[in-house]
C-alpha cells in the first residue's frame, strides 16, 4: 500500500539485528540464513 521502496538486503548487513513482522510477504527478499 506504500510507495516506499526499501533495500531490505542493506539492512541484513548493517551490523545489527533485523526483526521482520509478516516476513512471509517478502519471502523472496529474505536472506538465505535466518
ModelCIF file with pLDDT and N, C-alpha, C, O atoms, coordinates in Angstrom:
data_MODEL
#
_entry.id   MODEL 
#
_entity.id                         1 
_entity.type                       polymer 
_entity.pdbx_number_of_molecules   1 
#
_entity_poly.entity_id                      1 
_entity_poly.type                           'polypeptide(L)' 
_entity_poly.nstd_linkage                   no 
_entity_poly.nstd_monomer                   no 
_entity_poly.pdbx_seq_one_letter_code       
;(UNK)(UNK)(UNK)(UNK)(UNK)(UNK)(UNK)(UNK)(UNK)(UNK)(UNK)(UNK)(UNK)(UNK)(UNK)(UNK)
(UNK)(UNK)(UNK)(UNK)(UNK)(UNK)(UNK)(UNK)(UNK)(UNK)(UNK)(UNK)(UNK)(UNK)(UNK)(UNK)
(UNK)(UNK)
;
_entity_poly.pdbx_seq_one_letter_code_can   XXXXXXXXXXXXXXXXXXXXXXXXXXXXXXXXXX 
_entity_poly.pdbx_strand_id                 A 
#
loop_
_entity_poly_seq.entity_id 
_entity_poly_seq.num 
_entity_poly_seq.mon_id 
_entity_poly_seq.hetero 
1 1  UNK n 
1 2  UNK n 
1 3  UNK n 
1 4  UNK n 
1 5  UNK n 
1 6  UNK n 
1 7  UNK n 
1 8  UNK n 
1 9  UNK n 
1 10 UNK n 
1 11 UNK n 
1 12 UNK n 
1 13 UNK n 
1 14 UNK n 
1 15 UNK n 
1 16 UNK n 
1 17 UNK n 
1 18 UNK n 
1 19 UNK n 
1 20 UNK n 
1 21 UNK n 
1 22 UNK n 
1 23 UNK n 
1 24 UNK n 
1 25 UNK n 
1 26 UNK n 
1 27 UNK n 
1 28 UNK n 
1 29 UNK n 
1 30 UNK n 
1 31 UNK n 
1 32 UNK n 
1 33 UNK n 
1 34 UNK n 
#
_struct_asym.id          A 
_struct_asym.entity_id   1 
#
loop_
_ma_qa_metric.id 
_ma_qa_metric.mode 
_ma_qa_metric.name 
_ma_qa_metric.software_group_id 
_ma_qa_metric.type 
1 global pLDDT . pLDDT 
2 local  pLDDT . pLDDT 
#
_ma_qa_metric_global.metric_id      1 
_ma_qa_metric_global.metric_value   90.50 
_ma_qa_metric_global.model_id       1 
_ma_qa_metric_global.ordinal_id     1 
#
loop_
_ma_qa_metric_local.label_asym_id 
_ma_qa_metric_local.label_comp_id 
_ma_qa_metric_local.label_seq_id 
_ma_qa_metric_local.metric_id 
_ma_qa_metric_local.metric_value 
_ma_qa_metric_local.model_id 
_ma_qa_metric_local.ordinal_id 
A UNK 1  2 58.00 1 1  
A UNK 2  2 61.00 1 2  
A UNK 3  2 58.00 1 3  
A UNK 4  2 65.00 1 4  
A UNK 5  2 78.00 1 5  
A UNK 6  2 86.00 1 6  
A UNK 7  2 91.00 1 7  
A UNK 8  2 92.00 1 8  
A UNK 9  2 94.00 1 9  
A UNK 10 2 95.00 1 10 
A UNK 11 2 96.00 1 11 
A UNK 12 2 96.00 1 12 
A UNK 13 2 95.00 1 13 
A UNK 14 2 95.00 1 14 
A UNK 15 2 96.00 1 15 
A UNK 16 2 97.00 1 16 
A UNK 17 2 98.00 1 17 
A UNK 18 2 98.00 1 18 
A UNK 19 2 98.00 1 19 
A UNK 20 2 97.00 1 20 
A UNK 21 2 96.00 1 21 
A UNK 22 2 95.00 1 22 
A UNK 23 2 96.00 1 23 
A UNK 24 2 95.00 1 24 
A UNK 25 2 92.00 1 25 
A UNK 26 2 93.00 1 26 
A UNK 27 2 94.00 1 27 
A UNK 28 2 93.00 1 28 
A UNK 29 2 93.00 1 29 
A UNK 30 2 96.00 1 30 
A UNK 31 2 97.00 1 31 
A UNK 32 2 97.00 1 32 
A UNK 33 2 98.00 1 33 
A UNK 34 2 98.00 1 34 
#
loop_
_atom_site.group_PDB 
_atom_site.id 
_atom_site.type_symbol 
_atom_site.label_atom_id 
_atom_site.label_alt_id 
_atom_site.label_comp_id 
_atom_site.label_asym_id 
_atom_site.label_entity_id 
_atom_site.label_seq_id 
_atom_site.pdbx_PDB_ins_code 
_atom_site.Cartn_x 
_atom_site.Cartn_y 
_atom_site.Cartn_z 
_atom_site.occupancy 
_atom_site.B_iso_or_equiv 
_atom_site.pdbx_formal_charge 
_atom_site.auth_seq_id 
_atom_site.auth_comp_id 
_atom_site.auth_asym_id 
_atom_site.auth_atom_id 
_atom_site.pdbx_PDB_model_num 
ATOM 1   N N  . UNK A 1 1  ? 0.808  -1.214  0.000  1.00 58.00 ? 1  UNK A N  1 
ATOM 2   C CA . UNK A 1 1  ? 0.000  0.000   0.000  1.00 58.00 ? 1  UNK A CA 1 
ATOM 3   C C  . UNK A 1 1  ? 0.846  1.271   0.000  1.00 58.00 ? 1  UNK A C  1 
ATOM 4   O O  . UNK A 1 1  ? 0.297  2.372   -0.048 1.00 58.00 ? 1  UNK A O  1 
ATOM 5   N N  . UNK A 1 2  ? 2.156  1.140   0.052  1.00 61.00 ? 2  UNK A N  1 
ATOM 6   C CA . UNK A 1 2  ? 3.021  2.311   0.132  1.00 61.00 ? 2  UNK A CA 1 
ATOM 7   C C  . UNK A 1 2  ? 3.808  2.493   -1.161 1.00 61.00 ? 2  UNK A C  1 
ATOM 8   O O  . UNK A 1 2  ? 3.952  1.568   -1.961 1.00 61.00 ? 2  UNK A O  1 
ATOM 9   N N  . UNK A 1 3  ? 4.304  3.692   -1.340 1.00 58.00 ? 3  UNK A N  1 
ATOM 10  C CA . UNK A 1 3  ? 5.163  3.981   -2.483 1.00 58.00 ? 3  UNK A CA 1 
ATOM 11  C C  . UNK A 1 3  ? 6.636  3.855   -2.101 1.00 58.00 ? 3  UNK A C  1 
ATOM 12  O O  . UNK A 1 3  ? 7.521  4.179   -2.891 1.00 58.00 ? 3  UNK A O  1 
ATOM 13  N N  . UNK A 1 4  ? 6.884  3.387   -0.896 1.00 65.00 ? 4  UNK A N  1 
ATOM 14  C CA . UNK A 1 4  ? 8.240  3.309   -0.380 1.00 65.00 ? 4  UNK A CA 1 
ATOM 15  C C  . UNK A 1 4  ? 8.949  2.096   -0.974 1.00 65.00 ? 4  UNK A C  1 
ATOM 16  O O  . UNK A 1 4  ? 8.409  0.990   -1.003 1.00 65.00 ? 4  UNK A O  1 
ATOM 17  N N  . UNK A 1 5  ? 10.153 2.328   -1.440 1.00 78.00 ? 5  UNK A N  1 
ATOM 18  C CA . UNK A 1 5  ? 10.987 1.224   -1.898 1.00 78.00 ? 5  UNK A CA 1 
ATOM 19  C C  . UNK A 1 5  ? 12.111 1.064   -0.887 1.00 78.00 ? 5  UNK A C  1 
ATOM 20  O O  . UNK A 1 5  ? 12.835 2.013   -0.586 1.00 78.00 ? 5  UNK A O  1 
ATOM 21  N N  . UNK A 1 6  ? 12.243 -0.126  -0.379 1.00 86.00 ? 6  UNK A N  1 
ATOM 22  C CA . UNK A 1 6  ? 13.222 -0.391  0.670  1.00 86.00 ? 6  UNK A CA 1 
ATOM 23  C C  . UNK A 1 6  ? 14.204 -1.435  0.174  1.00 86.00 ? 6  UNK A C  1 
ATOM 24  O O  . UNK A 1 6  ? 13.818 -2.459  -0.390 1.00 86.00 ? 6  UNK A O  1 
ATOM 25  N N  . UNK A 1 7  ? 15.477 -1.158  0.394  1.00 91.00 ? 7  UNK A N  1 
ATOM 26  C CA . UNK A 1 7  ? 16.519 -2.128  0.074  1.00 91.00 ? 7  UNK A CA 1 
ATOM 27  C C  . UNK A 1 7  ? 16.714 -3.006  1.312  1.00 91.00 ? 7  UNK A C  1 
ATOM 28  O O  . UNK A 1 7  ? 17.570 -2.736  2.153  1.00 91.00 ? 7  UNK A O  1 
ATOM 29  N N  . UNK A 1 8  ? 15.901 -4.060  1.404  1.00 92.00 ? 8  UNK A N  1 
ATOM 30  C CA . UNK A 1 8  ? 15.947 -4.922  2.580  1.00 92.00 ? 8  UNK A CA 1 
ATOM 31  C C  . UNK A 1 8  ? 17.330 -5.522  2.774  1.00 92.00 ? 8  UNK A C  1 
ATOM 32  O O  . UNK A 1 8  ? 17.808 -5.620  3.904  1.00 92.00 ? 8  UNK A O  1 
ATOM 33  N N  . UNK A 1 9  ? 17.978 -5.923  1.688  1.00 94.00 ? 9  UNK A N  1 
ATOM 34  C CA . UNK A 1 9  ? 19.292 -6.561  1.785  1.00 94.00 ? 9  UNK A CA 1 
ATOM 35  C C  . UNK A 1 9  ? 20.300 -5.660  2.494  1.00 94.00 ? 9  UNK A C  1 
ATOM 36  O O  . UNK A 1 9  ? 21.205 -6.152  3.169  1.00 94.00 ? 9  UNK A O  1 
ATOM 37  N N  . UNK A 1 10 ? 20.152 -4.355  2.346  1.00 95.00 ? 10 UNK A N  1 
ATOM 38  C CA . UNK A 1 10 ? 21.047 -3.404  3.017  1.00 95.00 ? 10 UNK A CA 1 
ATOM 39  C C  . UNK A 1 10 ? 20.951 -3.556  4.540  1.00 95.00 ? 10 UNK A C  1 
ATOM 40  O O  . UNK A 1 10 ? 21.964 -3.490  5.236  1.00 95.00 ? 10 UNK A O  1 
ATOM 41  N N  . UNK A 1 11 ? 19.751 -3.756  5.047  1.00 96.00 ? 11 UNK A N  1 
ATOM 42  C CA . UNK A 1 11 ? 19.576 -3.903  6.498  1.00 96.00 ? 11 UNK A CA 1 
ATOM 43  C C  . UNK A 1 11 ? 20.186 -5.196  7.016  1.00 96.00 ? 11 UNK A C  1 
ATOM 44  O O  . UNK A 1 11 ? 20.635 -5.257  8.161  1.00 96.00 ? 11 UNK A O  1 
ATOM 45  N N  . UNK A 1 12 ? 20.204 -6.222  6.187  1.00 96.00 ? 12 UNK A N  1 
ATOM 46  C CA . UNK A 1 12 ? 20.689 -7.520  6.637  1.00 96.00 ? 12 UNK A CA 1 
ATOM 47  C C  . UNK A 1 12 ? 22.197 -7.547  6.851  1.00 96.00 ? 12 UNK A C  1 
ATOM 48  O O  . UNK A 1 12 ? 22.721 -8.519  7.394  1.00 96.00 ? 12 UNK A O  1 
ATOM 49  N N  . UNK A 1 13 ? 22.900 -6.502  6.435  1.00 95.00 ? 13 UNK A N  1 
ATOM 50  C CA . UNK A 1 13 ? 24.358 -6.454  6.589  1.00 95.00 ? 13 UNK A CA 1 
ATOM 51  C C  . UNK A 1 13 ? 24.828 -5.183  7.305  1.00 95.00 ? 13 UNK A C  1 
ATOM 52  O O  . UNK A 1 13 ? 25.987 -4.792  7.165  1.00 95.00 ? 13 UNK A O  1 
ATOM 53  N N  . UNK A 1 14 ? 23.948 -4.540  8.065  1.00 95.00 ? 14 UNK A N  1 
ATOM 54  C CA . UNK A 1 14 ? 24.270 -3.275  8.740  1.00 95.00 ? 14 UNK A CA 1 
ATOM 55  C C  . UNK A 1 14 ? 24.822 -3.462  10.155 1.00 95.00 ? 14 UNK A C  1 
ATOM 56  O O  . UNK A 1 14 ? 24.803 -2.522  10.950 1.00 95.00 ? 14 UNK A O  1 
ATOM 57  N N  . UNK A 1 15 ? 25.303 -4.642  10.472 1.00 96.00 ? 15 UNK A N  1 
ATOM 58  C CA . UNK A 1 15 ? 25.887 -4.925  11.782 1.00 96.00 ? 15 UNK A CA 1 
ATOM 59  C C  . UNK A 1 15 ? 24.912 -4.667  12.921 1.00 96.00 ? 15 UNK A C  1 
ATOM 60  O O  . UNK A 1 15 ? 25.250 -4.035  13.922 1.00 96.00 ? 15 UNK A O  1 
ATOM 61  N N  . UNK A 1 16 ? 23.700 -5.167  12.745 1.00 97.00 ? 16 UNK A N  1 
ATOM 62  C CA . UNK A 1 16 ? 22.688 -5.094  13.784 1.00 97.00 ? 16 UNK A CA 1 
ATOM 63  C C  . UNK A 1 16 ? 21.840 -6.350  13.734 1.00 97.00 ? 16 UNK A C  1 
ATOM 64  O O  . UNK A 1 16 ? 22.237 -7.362  13.157 1.00 97.00 ? 16 UNK A O  1 
ATOM 65  N N  . UNK A 1 17 ? 20.658 -6.271  14.350 1.00 98.00 ? 17 UNK A N  1 
ATOM 66  C CA . UNK A 1 17 ? 19.679 -7.350  14.302 1.00 98.00 ? 17 UNK A CA 1 
ATOM 67  C C  . UNK A 1 17 ? 18.454 -6.816  13.581 1.00 98.00 ? 17 UNK A C  1 
ATOM 68  O O  . UNK A 1 17 ? 17.998 -5.708  13.864 1.00 98.00 ? 17 UNK A O  1 
ATOM 69  N N  . UNK A 1 18 ? 17.921 -7.591  12.656 1.00 98.00 ? 18 UNK A N  1 
ATOM 70  C CA . UNK A 1 18 ? 16.711 -7.219  11.940 1.00 98.00 ? 18 UNK A CA 1 
ATOM 71  C C  . UNK A 1 18 ? 15.596 -8.164  12.358 1.00 98.00 ? 18 UNK A C  1 
ATOM 72  O O  . UNK A 1 18 ? 15.726 -9.385  12.262 1.00 98.00 ? 18 UNK A O  1 
ATOM 73  N N  . UNK A 1 19 ? 14.497 -7.580  12.823 1.00 98.00 ? 19 UNK A N  1 
ATOM 74  C CA . UNK A 1 19 ? 13.286 -8.345  13.145 1.00 98.00 ? 19 UNK A CA 1 
ATOM 75  C C  . UNK A 1 19 ? 12.225 -7.916  12.148 1.00 98.00 ? 19 UNK A C  1 
ATOM 76  O O  . UNK A 1 19 ? 11.942 -6.725  12.016 1.00 98.00 ? 19 UNK A O  1 
ATOM 77  N N  . UNK A 1 20 ? 11.640 -8.870  11.450 1.00 97.00 ? 20 UNK A N  1 
ATOM 78  C CA . UNK A 1 20 ? 10.660 -8.574  10.402 1.00 97.00 ? 20 UNK A CA 1 
ATOM 79  C C  . UNK A 1 20 ? 9.325  -9.222  10.747 1.00 97.00 ? 20 UNK A C  1 
ATOM 80  O O  . UNK A 1 20 ? 9.204  -10.447 10.775 1.00 97.00 ? 20 UNK A O  1 
ATOM 81  N N  . UNK A 1 21 ? 8.327  -8.385  11.009 1.00 96.00 ? 21 UNK A N  1 
ATOM 82  C CA . UNK A 1 21 ? 6.979  -8.890  11.214 1.00 96.00 ? 21 UNK A CA 1 
ATOM 83  C C  . UNK A 1 21 ? 6.313  -9.078  9.851  1.00 96.00 ? 21 UNK A C  1 
ATOM 84  O O  . UNK A 1 21 ? 6.485  -8.256  8.951  1.00 96.00 ? 21 UNK A O  1 
ATOM 85  N N  . UNK A 1 22 ? 5.555  -10.158 9.707  1.00 95.00 ? 22 UNK A N  1 
ATOM 86  C CA . UNK A 1 22 ? 4.877  -10.519 8.457  1.00 95.00 ? 22 UNK A CA 1 
ATOM 87  C C  . UNK A 1 22 ? 5.891  -10.840 7.351  1.00 95.00 ? 22 UNK A C  1 
ATOM 88  O O  . UNK A 1 22 ? 5.658  -10.519 6.186  1.00 95.00 ? 22 UNK A O  1 
ATOM 89  N N  . UNK A 1 23 ? 6.989  -11.459 7.704  1.00 96.00 ? 23 UNK A N  1 
ATOM 90  C CA . UNK A 1 23 ? 8.085  -11.704 6.753  1.00 96.00 ? 23 UNK A CA 1 
ATOM 91  C C  . UNK A 1 23 ? 7.677  -12.570 5.568  1.00 96.00 ? 23 UNK A C  1 
ATOM 92  O O  . UNK A 1 23 ? 8.318  -12.516 4.519  1.00 96.00 ? 23 UNK A O  1 
ATOM 93  N N  . UNK A 1 24 ? 6.620  -13.369 5.715  1.00 95.00 ? 24 UNK A N  1 
ATOM 94  C CA . UNK A 1 24 ? 6.172  -14.194 4.583  1.00 95.00 ? 24 UNK A CA 1 
ATOM 95  C C  . UNK A 1 24 ? 5.826  -13.348 3.364  1.00 95.00 ? 24 UNK A C  1 
ATOM 96  O O  . UNK A 1 24 ? 5.853  -13.836 2.234  1.00 95.00 ? 24 UNK A O  1 
ATOM 97  N N  . UNK A 1 25 ? 5.501  -12.079 3.597  1.00 92.00 ? 25 UNK A N  1 
ATOM 98  C CA . UNK A 1 25 ? 5.103  -11.199 2.493  1.00 92.00 ? 25 UNK A CA 1 
ATOM 99  C C  . UNK A 1 25 ? 6.292  -10.789 1.623  1.00 92.00 ? 25 UNK A C  1 
ATOM 100 O O  . UNK A 1 25 ? 6.107  -10.302 0.507  1.00 92.00 ? 25 UNK A O  1 
ATOM 101 N N  . UNK A 1 26 ? 7.512  -10.985 2.131  1.00 93.00 ? 26 UNK A N  1 
ATOM 102 C CA . UNK A 1 26 ? 8.711  -10.645 1.341  1.00 93.00 ? 26 UNK A CA 1 
ATOM 103 C C  . UNK A 1 26 ? 9.654  -11.849 1.269  1.00 93.00 ? 26 UNK A C  1 
ATOM 104 O O  . UNK A 1 26 ? 10.873 -11.690 1.204  1.00 93.00 ? 26 UNK A O  1 
ATOM 105 N N  . UNK A 1 27 ? 9.088  -13.026 1.280  1.00 94.00 ? 27 UNK A N  1 
ATOM 106 C CA . UNK A 1 27 ? 9.880  -14.266 1.342  1.00 94.00 ? 27 UNK A CA 1 
ATOM 107 C C  . UNK A 1 27 ? 11.021 -14.303 0.320  1.00 94.00 ? 27 UNK A C  1 
ATOM 108 O O  . UNK A 1 27 ? 12.114 -14.775 0.633  1.00 94.00 ? 27 UNK A O  1 
ATOM 109 N N  . UNK A 1 28 ? 10.778 -13.815 -0.882 1.00 93.00 ? 28 UNK A N  1 
ATOM 110 C CA . UNK A 1 28 ? 11.806 -13.838 -1.929 1.00 93.00 ? 28 UNK A CA 1 
ATOM 111 C C  . UNK A 1 28 ? 12.960 -12.878 -1.650 1.00 93.00 ? 28 UNK A C  1 
ATOM 112 O O  . UNK A 1 28 ? 14.012 -12.987 -2.281 1.00 93.00 ? 28 UNK A O  1 
ATOM 113 N N  . UNK A 1 29 ? 12.787 -11.946 -0.724 1.00 93.00 ? 29 UNK A N  1 
ATOM 114 C CA . UNK A 1 29 ? 13.815 -10.955 -0.425 1.00 93.00 ? 29 UNK A CA 1 
ATOM 115 C C  . UNK A 1 29 ? 14.607 -11.286 0.837  1.00 93.00 ? 29 UNK A C  1 
ATOM 116 O O  . UNK A 1 29 ? 15.568 -10.592 1.169  1.00 93.00 ? 29 UNK A O  1 
ATOM 117 N N  . UNK A 1 30 ? 14.211 -12.336 1.533  1.00 96.00 ? 30 UNK A N  1 
ATOM 118 C CA . UNK A 1 30 ? 14.864 -12.680 2.797  1.00 96.00 ? 30 UNK A CA 1 
ATOM 119 C C  . UNK A 1 30 ? 16.226 -13.308 2.549  1.00 96.00 ? 30 UNK A C  1 
ATOM 120 O O  . UNK A 1 30 ? 16.452 -13.929 1.510  1.00 96.00 ? 30 UNK A O  1 
ATOM 121 N N  . UNK A 1 31 ? 17.139 -13.144 3.512  1.00 97.00 ? 31 UNK A N  1 
ATOM 122 C CA . UNK A 1 31 ? 18.452 -13.785 3.350  1.00 97.00 ? 31 UNK A CA 1 
ATOM 123 C C  . UNK A 1 31 ? 18.311 -15.300 3.425  1.00 97.00 ? 31 UNK A C  1 
ATOM 124 O O  . UNK A 1 31 ? 17.354 -15.828 3.991  1.00 97.00 ? 31 UNK A O  1 
ATOM 125 N N  . UNK A 1 32 ? 19.268 -15.969 2.854  1.00 97.00 ? 32 UNK A N  1 
ATOM 126 C CA . UNK A 1 32 ? 19.239 -17.428 2.815  1.00 97.00 ? 32 UNK A CA 1 
ATOM 127 C C  . UNK A 1 32 ? 19.225 -18.015 4.219  1.00 97.00 ? 32 UNK A C  1 
ATOM 128 O O  . UNK A 1 32 ? 18.527 -18.998 4.469  1.00 97.00 ? 32 UNK A O  1 
ATOM 129 N N  . UNK A 1 33 ? 19.990 -17.424 5.145  1.00 98.00 ? 33 UNK A N  1 
ATOM 130 C CA . UNK A 1 33 ? 20.042 -17.901 6.526  1.00 98.00 ? 33 UNK A CA 1 
ATOM 131 C C  . UNK A 1 33 ? 19.264 -16.939 7.410  1.00 98.00 ? 33 UNK A C  1 
ATOM 132 O O  . UNK A 1 33 ? 19.417 -15.721 7.309  1.00 98.00 ? 33 UNK A O  1 
ATOM 133 N N  . UNK A 1 34 ? 18.411 -17.508 8.294  1.00 98.00 ? 34 UNK A N  1 
ATOM 134 C CA . UNK A 1 34 ? 17.565 -16.675 9.149  1.00 98.00 ? 34 UNK A CA 1 
ATOM 135 C C  . UNK A 1 34 ? 16.892 -17.554 10.200 1.00 98.00 ? 34 UNK A C  1 
ATOM 136 O O  . UNK A 1 34 ? 16.132 -17.053 11.029 1.00 98.00 ? 34 UNK A O  1 
#
